[in-house]
Amino acid sequence: MPMMILETGMPALVVGLFCAGALSASMSTGDALLHAAASVAVEDGLGPFTDLPEERQTGLMRVILVVVAIVAYYYAVTDNQSLVVLLLTAYGIIAQLAPTVFASLYWRRATTAGVLAGLIAGSATAVFFYFNPELRILDMHEGILGLVVHLPVLVAVSLATAPQDDAHVDAFVRQSAAGPTP
């Protein structure tokens, strides 16, 4: 993009301001994504399972932020793929959230163990096929292959484990057409 702007014949000051604006926009987006990844990992990933003091949460967020930044930098520098391919690859893992959301909102028999097992199996499958593209079936996207594994695992583990308490389920699943239970 800077080369295109340079070829327009605009003064160097305008080109410099344009490049500075583009750089600041990308930095603010990257900064927000790094902080969001660290915050979600600690508060939503660990928070429900442990009771960490605030200082410990902050320290853990800082470590995760640095790790995510290093991984992102590695892929940006070493992987000769476009940003579009990297984003599509990330959506392979993000797609694994869809069955979890639908099951928790609309299937009364879904259990925490089933949802977690499905998420782990689907995400692991997506990562596996990302690193082994030659093994993909019909050259499908790794996220789709992850969903093919995720759904049966979610259903099987949910049916194999004890159902959730009705009060817990009622907090998530929409009541039937008959209305709320008294």
C-alpha atoms as a PDB file:
ATOM      1  CA  MET A   1       0.000   0.000   0.000  1.00  0.00           C
ATOM      2  CA  PRO A   2       2.760   2.523   0.730  1.00  0.00           C
ATOM      3  CA  MET A   3       4.179   1.849  -2.752  1.00  0.00           C
ATOM      4  CA  MET A   4       0.801   2.643  -4.334  1.00  0.00           C
ATOM      5  CA  ILE A   5       0.601   5.906  -2.421  1.00  0.00           C
ATOM      6  CA  LEU A   6       4.181   6.812  -3.423  1.00  0.00           C
ATOM      7  CA  GLU A   7       3.329   6.322  -7.099  1.00  0.00           C
ATOM      8  CA  THR A   8       0.484   8.837  -6.938  1.00  0.00           C
ATOM      9  CA  GLY A   9       2.932  11.720  -6.877  1.00  0.00           C
ATOM     10  CA  MET A  10       1.598  13.169  -3.631  1.00  0.00           C
ATOM     11  CA  PRO A  11       3.977  15.106  -1.408  1.00  0.00           C
ATOM     12  CA  ALA A  12       6.072  13.054   1.005  1.00  0.00           C
ATOM     13  CA  LEU A  13       4.299  14.627   3.983  1.00  0.00           C
ATOM     14  CA  VAL A  14       0.910  13.338   2.793  1.00  0.00           C
ATOM     15  CA  VAL A  15       2.348   9.889   2.107  1.00  0.00           C
ATOM     16  CA  GLY A  16       3.926   9.859   5.568  1.00  0.00           C
ATOM     17  CA  LEU A  17       0.666  10.875   7.243  1.00  0.00           C
ATOM     18  CA  PHE A  18      -1.229   8.211   5.326  1.00  0.00           C
ATOM     19  CA  CYS A  19       1.253   5.505   6.330  1.00  0.00           C
ATOM     20  CA  ALA A  20       1.235   6.692   9.950  1.00  0.00           C
ATOM     21  CA  GLY A  21      -2.565   6.513   9.990  1.00  0.00           C
ATOM     22  CA  ALA A  22      -2.591   2.999   8.554  1.00  0.00           C
ATOM     23  CA  LEU A  23       0.056   1.886  11.051  1.00  0.00           C
ATOM     24  CA  SER A  24      -1.803   3.361  14.019  1.00  0.00           C
ATOM     25  CA  ALA A  25      -5.052   1.709  12.918  1.00  0.00           C
ATOM     26  CA  SER A  26      -3.375  -1.685  12.635  1.00  0.00           C
ATOM     27  CA  MET A  27      -1.603  -1.247  15.974  1.00  0.00           C
ATOM     28  CA  SER A  28      -4.792  -0.298  17.809  1.00  0.00           C
ATOM     29  CA  THR A  29      -6.593  -3.319  16.361  1.00  0.00           C
ATOM     30  CA  GLY A  30      -3.722  -5.649  17.224  1.00  0.00           C
ATOM     31  CA  ASP A  31      -3.498  -4.221  20.732  1.00  0.00           C
ATOM     32  CA  ALA A  32      -7.222  -4.759  21.334  1.00  0.00           C
ATOM     33  CA  LEU A  33      -7.048  -8.324  20.013  1.00  0.00           C
ATOM     34  CA  LEU A  34      -4.067  -9.202  22.208  1.00  0.00           C
ATOM     35  CA  HIS A  35      -5.709  -7.827  25.327  1.00  0.00           C
ATOM     36  CA  ALA A  36      -9.024  -9.491  24.488  1.00  0.00           C
ATOM     37  CA  ALA A  37      -7.345 -12.880  23.987  1.00  0.00           C
ATOM     38  CA  ALA A  38      -5.566 -12.662  27.332  1.00  0.00           C
ATOM     39  CA  SER A  39      -8.622 -11.389  29.189  1.00  0.00           C
ATOM     40  CA  VAL A  40     -10.973 -14.010  27.746  1.00  0.00           C
ATOM     41  CA  ALA A  41      -8.500 -16.808  28.427  1.00  0.00           C
ATOM     42  CA  VAL A  42      -8.137 -15.861  32.086  1.00  0.00           C
ATOM     43  CA  GLU A  43     -11.605 -14.581  32.985  1.00  0.00           C
ATOM     44  CA  ASP A  44     -13.723 -16.957  30.904  1.00  0.00           C
ATOM     45  CA  GLY A  45     -11.337 -19.884  30.519  1.00  0.00           C
ATOM     46  CA  LEU A  46      -9.964 -20.125  34.047  1.00  0.00           C
ATOM     47  CA  GLY A  47     -12.315 -17.909  36.063  1.00  0.00           C
ATOM     48  CA  PRO A  48     -15.221 -20.345  36.347  1.00  0.00           C
ATOM     49  CA  PHE A  49     -12.913 -23.128  37.542  1.00  0.00           C
ATOM     50  CA  THR A  50     -10.579 -21.319  39.944  1.00  0.00           C
ATOM     51  CA  ASP A  51     -10.727 -18.394  42.326  1.00  0.00           C
ATOM     52  CA  LEU A  52      -7.610 -16.404  41.473  1.00  0.00           C
ATOM     53  CA  PRO A  53      -6.792 -13.147  43.245  1.00  0.00           C
ATOM     54  CA  GLU A  54      -6.798 -10.081  41.006  1.00  0.00           C
ATOM     55  CA  GLU A  55      -2.997  -9.683  41.092  1.00  0.00           C
ATOM     56  CA  ARG A  56      -2.597 -13.272  39.924  1.00  0.00           C
ATOM     57  CA  GLN A  57      -5.138 -12.773  37.129  1.00  0.00           C
ATOM     58  CA  THR A  58      -3.285  -9.673  35.943  1.00  0.00           C
ATOM     59  CA  GLY A  59       0.047 -11.504  35.940  1.00  0.00           C
ATOM     60  CA  LEU A  60      -1.430 -14.440  34.050  1.00  0.00           C
ATOM     61  CA  MET A  61      -3.004 -12.078  31.504  1.00  0.00           C
ATOM     62  CA  ARG A  62       0.384 -10.469  30.925  1.00  0.00           C
ATOM     63  CA  VAL A  63       2.023 -13.846  30.296  1.00  0.00           C
ATOM     64  CA  ILE A  64      -0.742 -14.950  27.923  1.00  0.00           C
ATOM     65  CA  LEU A  65      -0.558 -11.618  26.099  1.00  0.00           C
ATOM     66  CA  VAL A  66       3.158 -12.096  25.454  1.00  0.00           C
ATOM     67  CA  VAL A  67       2.670 -15.715  24.335  1.00  0.00           C
ATOM     68  CA  VAL A  68      -0.133 -14.772  21.920  1.00  0.00           C
ATOM     69  CA  ALA A  69       1.983 -11.890  20.576  1.00  0.00           C
ATOM     70  CA  ILE A  70       4.942 -14.215  19.972  1.00  0.00           C
ATOM     71  CA  VAL A  71       2.742 -16.771  18.184  1.00  0.00           C
ATOM     72  CA  ALA A  72       1.146 -14.034  16.054  1.00  0.00           C
ATOM     73  CA  TYR A  73       4.551 -12.577  15.215  1.00  0.00           C
ATOM     74  CA  TYR A  74       5.857 -16.017  14.273  1.00  0.00           C
ATOM     75  CA  TYR A  75       2.993 -16.583  11.849  1.00  0.00           C
ATOM     76  CA  ALA A  76       3.267 -13.065  10.434  1.00  0.00           C
ATOM     77  CA  VAL A  77       6.994 -13.378   9.740  1.00  0.00           C
ATOM     78  CA  THR A  78       7.528 -17.041   8.852  1.00  0.00           C
ATOM     79  CA  ASP A  79       4.314 -18.091   7.154  1.00  0.00           C
ATOM     80  CA  ASN A  80       4.128 -17.076   3.505  1.00  0.00           C
ATOM     81  CA  GLN A  81       0.354 -16.928   3.562  1.00  0.00           C
ATOM     82  CA  SER A  82      -1.933 -13.988   3.091  1.00  0.00           C
ATOM     83  CA  LEU A  83      -3.844 -12.383   5.921  1.00  0.00           C
ATOM     84  CA  VAL A  84      -7.047 -13.823   4.449  1.00  0.00           C
ATOM     85  CA  VAL A  85      -5.721 -17.390   4.736  1.00  0.00           C
ATOM     86  CA  LEU A  86      -4.596 -16.784   8.326  1.00  0.00           C
ATOM     87  CA  LEU A  87      -8.028 -15.366   9.236  1.00  0.00           C
ATOM     88  CA  LEU A  88      -9.837 -18.264   7.555  1.00  0.00           C
ATOM     89  CA  THR A  89      -7.652 -20.657   9.511  1.00  0.00           C
ATOM     90  CA  ALA A  90      -8.532 -18.903  12.770  1.00  0.00           C
ATOM     91  CA  TYR A  91     -12.214 -19.268  11.924  1.00  0.00           C
ATOM     92  CA  GLY A  92     -11.715 -23.050  11.945  1.00  0.00           C
ATOM     93  CA  ILE A  93     -11.393 -22.880  15.726  1.00  0.00           C
ATOM     94  CA  ILE A  94     -13.963 -20.110  16.160  1.00  0.00           C
ATOM     95  CA  ALA A  95     -16.510 -22.218  14.243  1.00  0.00           C
ATOM     96  CA  GLN A  96     -16.314 -24.770  17.055  1.00  0.00           C
ATOM     97  CA  LEU A  97     -18.249 -22.352  19.263  1.00  0.00           C
ATOM     98  CA  ALA A  98     -21.412 -22.618  17.132  1.00  0.00           C
ATOM     99  CA  PRO A  99     -22.515 -26.122  18.253  1.00  0.00           C
ATOM    100  CA  THR A 100     -21.752 -25.150  21.839  1.00  0.00           C
ATOM    101  CA  VAL A 101     -23.974 -22.077  21.677  1.00  0.00           C
ATOM    102  CA  PHE A 102     -26.833 -23.876  19.949  1.00  0.00           C
ATOM    103  CA  ALA A 103     -26.660 -26.878  22.275  1.00  0.00           C
ATOM    104  CA  SER A 104     -26.602 -24.731  25.391  1.00  0.00           C
ATOM    105  CA  LEU A 105     -29.540 -22.627  24.220  1.00  0.00           C
ATOM    106  CA  TYR A 106     -31.780 -25.194  22.532  1.00  0.00           C
ATOM    107  CA  TRP A 107     -30.922 -28.746  23.628  1.00  0.00           C
ATOM    108  CA  ARG A 108     -31.980 -29.498  27.192  1.00  0.00           C
ATOM    109  CA  ARG A 109     -29.924 -32.711  27.297  1.00  0.00           C
ATOM    110  CA  ALA A 110     -26.572 -31.003  26.603  1.00  0.00           C
ATOM    111  CA  THR A 111     -24.148 -31.307  29.503  1.00  0.00           C
ATOM    112  CA  THR A 112     -21.040 -29.392  30.482  1.00  0.00           C
ATOM    113  CA  ALA A 113     -18.905 -32.480  29.890  1.00  0.00           C
ATOM    114  CA  GLY A 114     -20.420 -32.963  26.437  1.00  0.00           C
ATOM    115  CA  VAL A 115     -19.866 -29.353  25.460  1.00  0.00           C
ATOM    116  CA  LEU A 116     -16.259 -29.347  26.688  1.00  0.00           C
ATOM    117  CA  ALA A 117     -15.491 -32.690  25.025  1.00  0.00           C
ATOM    118  CA  GLY A 118     -16.966 -31.455  21.752  1.00  0.00           C
ATOM    119  CA  LEU A 119     -15.024 -28.197  21.914  1.00  0.00           C
ATOM    120  CA  ILE A 120     -11.757 -29.973  22.621  1.00  0.00           C
ATOM    121  CA  ALA A 121     -12.287 -32.680  19.988  1.00  0.00           C
ATOM    122  CA  GLY A 122     -13.409 -30.225  17.308  1.00  0.00           C
ATOM    123  CA  SER A 123     -10.620 -27.742  18.008  1.00  0.00           C
ATOM    124  CA  ALA A 124      -7.984 -30.493  18.094  1.00  0.00           C
ATOM    125  CA  THR A 125      -9.296 -31.829  14.776  1.00  0.00           C
ATOM    126  CA  ALA A 126      -9.178 -28.365  13.200  1.00  0.00           C
ATOM    127  CA  VAL A 127      -5.601 -27.842  14.401  1.00  0.00           C
ATOM    128  CA  PHE A 128      -4.586 -31.320  13.221  1.00  0.00           C
ATOM    129  CA  PHE A 129      -5.876 -30.745   9.708  1.00  0.00           C
ATOM    130  CA  TYR A 130      -4.337 -27.265   9.606  1.00  0.00           C
ATOM    131  CA  PHE A 131      -0.916 -28.794  10.154  1.00  0.00           C
ATOM    132  CA  ASN A 132      -1.665 -31.824   7.925  1.00  0.00           C
ATOM    133  CA  PRO A 133      -3.550 -30.397   4.931  1.00  0.00           C
ATOM    134  CA  GLU A 134      -2.682 -33.387   2.753  1.00  0.00           C
ATOM    135  CA  LEU A 135      -4.939 -35.567   4.956  1.00  0.00           C
ATOM    136  CA  ARG A 136      -8.062 -33.424   4.519  1.00  0.00           C
ATOM    137  CA  ILE A 137     -11.081 -35.215   3.133  1.00  0.00           C
ATOM    138  CA  LEU A 138     -12.282 -33.699  -0.155  1.00  0.00           C
ATOM    139  CA  ASP A 139     -10.015 -30.724   0.557  1.00  0.00           C
ATOM    140  CA  MET A 140     -12.544 -29.403   3.093  1.00  0.00           C
ATOM    141  CA  HIS A 141     -11.666 -26.527   5.402  1.00  0.00           C
ATOM    142  CA  GLU A 142     -10.245 -27.706   8.723  1.00  0.00           C
ATOM    143  CA  GLY A 143     -13.032 -25.936  10.612  1.00  0.00           C
ATOM    144  CA  ILE A 144     -15.686 -28.003   8.824  1.00  0.00           C
ATOM    145  CA  LEU A 145     -13.780 -31.195   9.595  1.00  0.00           C
ATOM    146  CA  GLY A 146     -13.606 -30.067  13.226  1.00  0.00           C
ATOM    147  CA  LEU A 147     -17.394 -29.632  13.264  1.00  0.00           C
ATOM    148  CA  VAL A 148     -17.824 -33.130  11.803  1.00  0.00           C
ATOM    149  CA  VAL A 149     -15.990 -34.462  14.875  1.00  0.00           C
ATOM    150  CA  HIS A 150     -17.371 -31.922  17.351  1.00  0.00           C
ATOM    151  CA  LEU A 151     -21.080 -32.659  16.891  1.00  0.00           C
ATOM    152  CA  PRO A 152     -21.077 -36.438  17.480  1.00  0.00           C
ATOM    153  CA  VAL A 153     -18.697 -36.072  20.430  1.00  0.00           C
ATOM    154  CA  LEU A 154     -20.932 -33.414  22.006  1.00  0.00           C
ATOM    155  CA  VAL A 155     -24.026 -35.586  21.553  1.00  0.00           C
ATOM    156  CA  ALA A 156     -22.392 -38.851  22.652  1.00  0.00           C
ATOM    157  CA  VAL A 157     -20.748 -37.453  25.784  1.00  0.00           C
ATOM    158  CA  SER A 158     -23.888 -35.509  26.731  1.00  0.00           C
ATOM    159  CA  LEU A 159     -26.003 -38.665  26.438  1.00  0.00           C
ATOM    160  CA  ALA A 160     -23.414 -40.752  28.315  1.00  0.00           C
ATOM    161  CA  THR A 161     -23.217 -38.378  31.283  1.00  0.00           C
ATOM    162  CA  ALA A 162     -25.836 -37.512  33.872  1.00  0.00           C
ATOM    163  CA  PRO A 163     -28.245 -34.761  32.785  1.00  0.00           C
ATOM    164  CA  GLN A 164     -27.783 -31.264  34.138  1.00  0.00           C
ATOM    165  CA  ASP A 165     -29.980 -30.076  36.997  1.00  0.00           C
ATOM    166  CA  ASP A 166     -33.315 -28.681  35.689  1.00  0.00           C
ATOM    167  CA  ALA A 167     -32.772 -25.323  37.385  1.00  0.00           C
ATOM    168  CA  HIS A 168     -29.400 -24.994  35.654  1.00  0.00           C
ATOM    169  CA  VAL A 169     -30.847 -25.942  32.271  1.00  0.00           C
ATOM    170  CA  ASP A 170     -33.777 -23.534  32.658  1.00  0.00           C
ATOM    171  CA  ALA A 171     -31.307 -20.676  32.947  1.00  0.00           C
ATOM    172  CA  PHE A 172     -30.089 -21.389  29.403  1.00  0.00           C
ATOM    173  CA  VAL A 173     -32.738 -23.224  27.423  1.00  0.00           C
ATOM    174  CA  ARG A 174     -35.860 -21.477  26.251  1.00  0.00           C
ATOM    175  CA  GLN A 175     -39.038 -22.688  27.950  1.00  0.00           C
ATOM    176  CA  SER A 176     -41.498 -24.741  25.891  1.00  0.00           C
ATOM    177  CA  ALA A 177     -44.574 -23.197  24.310  1.00  0.00           C
ATOM    178  CA  ALA A 178     -46.576 -24.200  27.426  1.00  0.00           C
ATOM    179  CA  GLY A 179     -44.780 -21.449  29.335  1.00  0.00           C
ATOM    180  CA  PRO A 180     -42.552 -21.429  32.391  1.00  0.00           C
ATOM    181  CA  THR A 181     -42.872 -24.122  34.992  1.00  0.00           C
ATOM    182  CA  PRO A 182     -44.439 -22.993  38.276  1.00  0.00           C
END
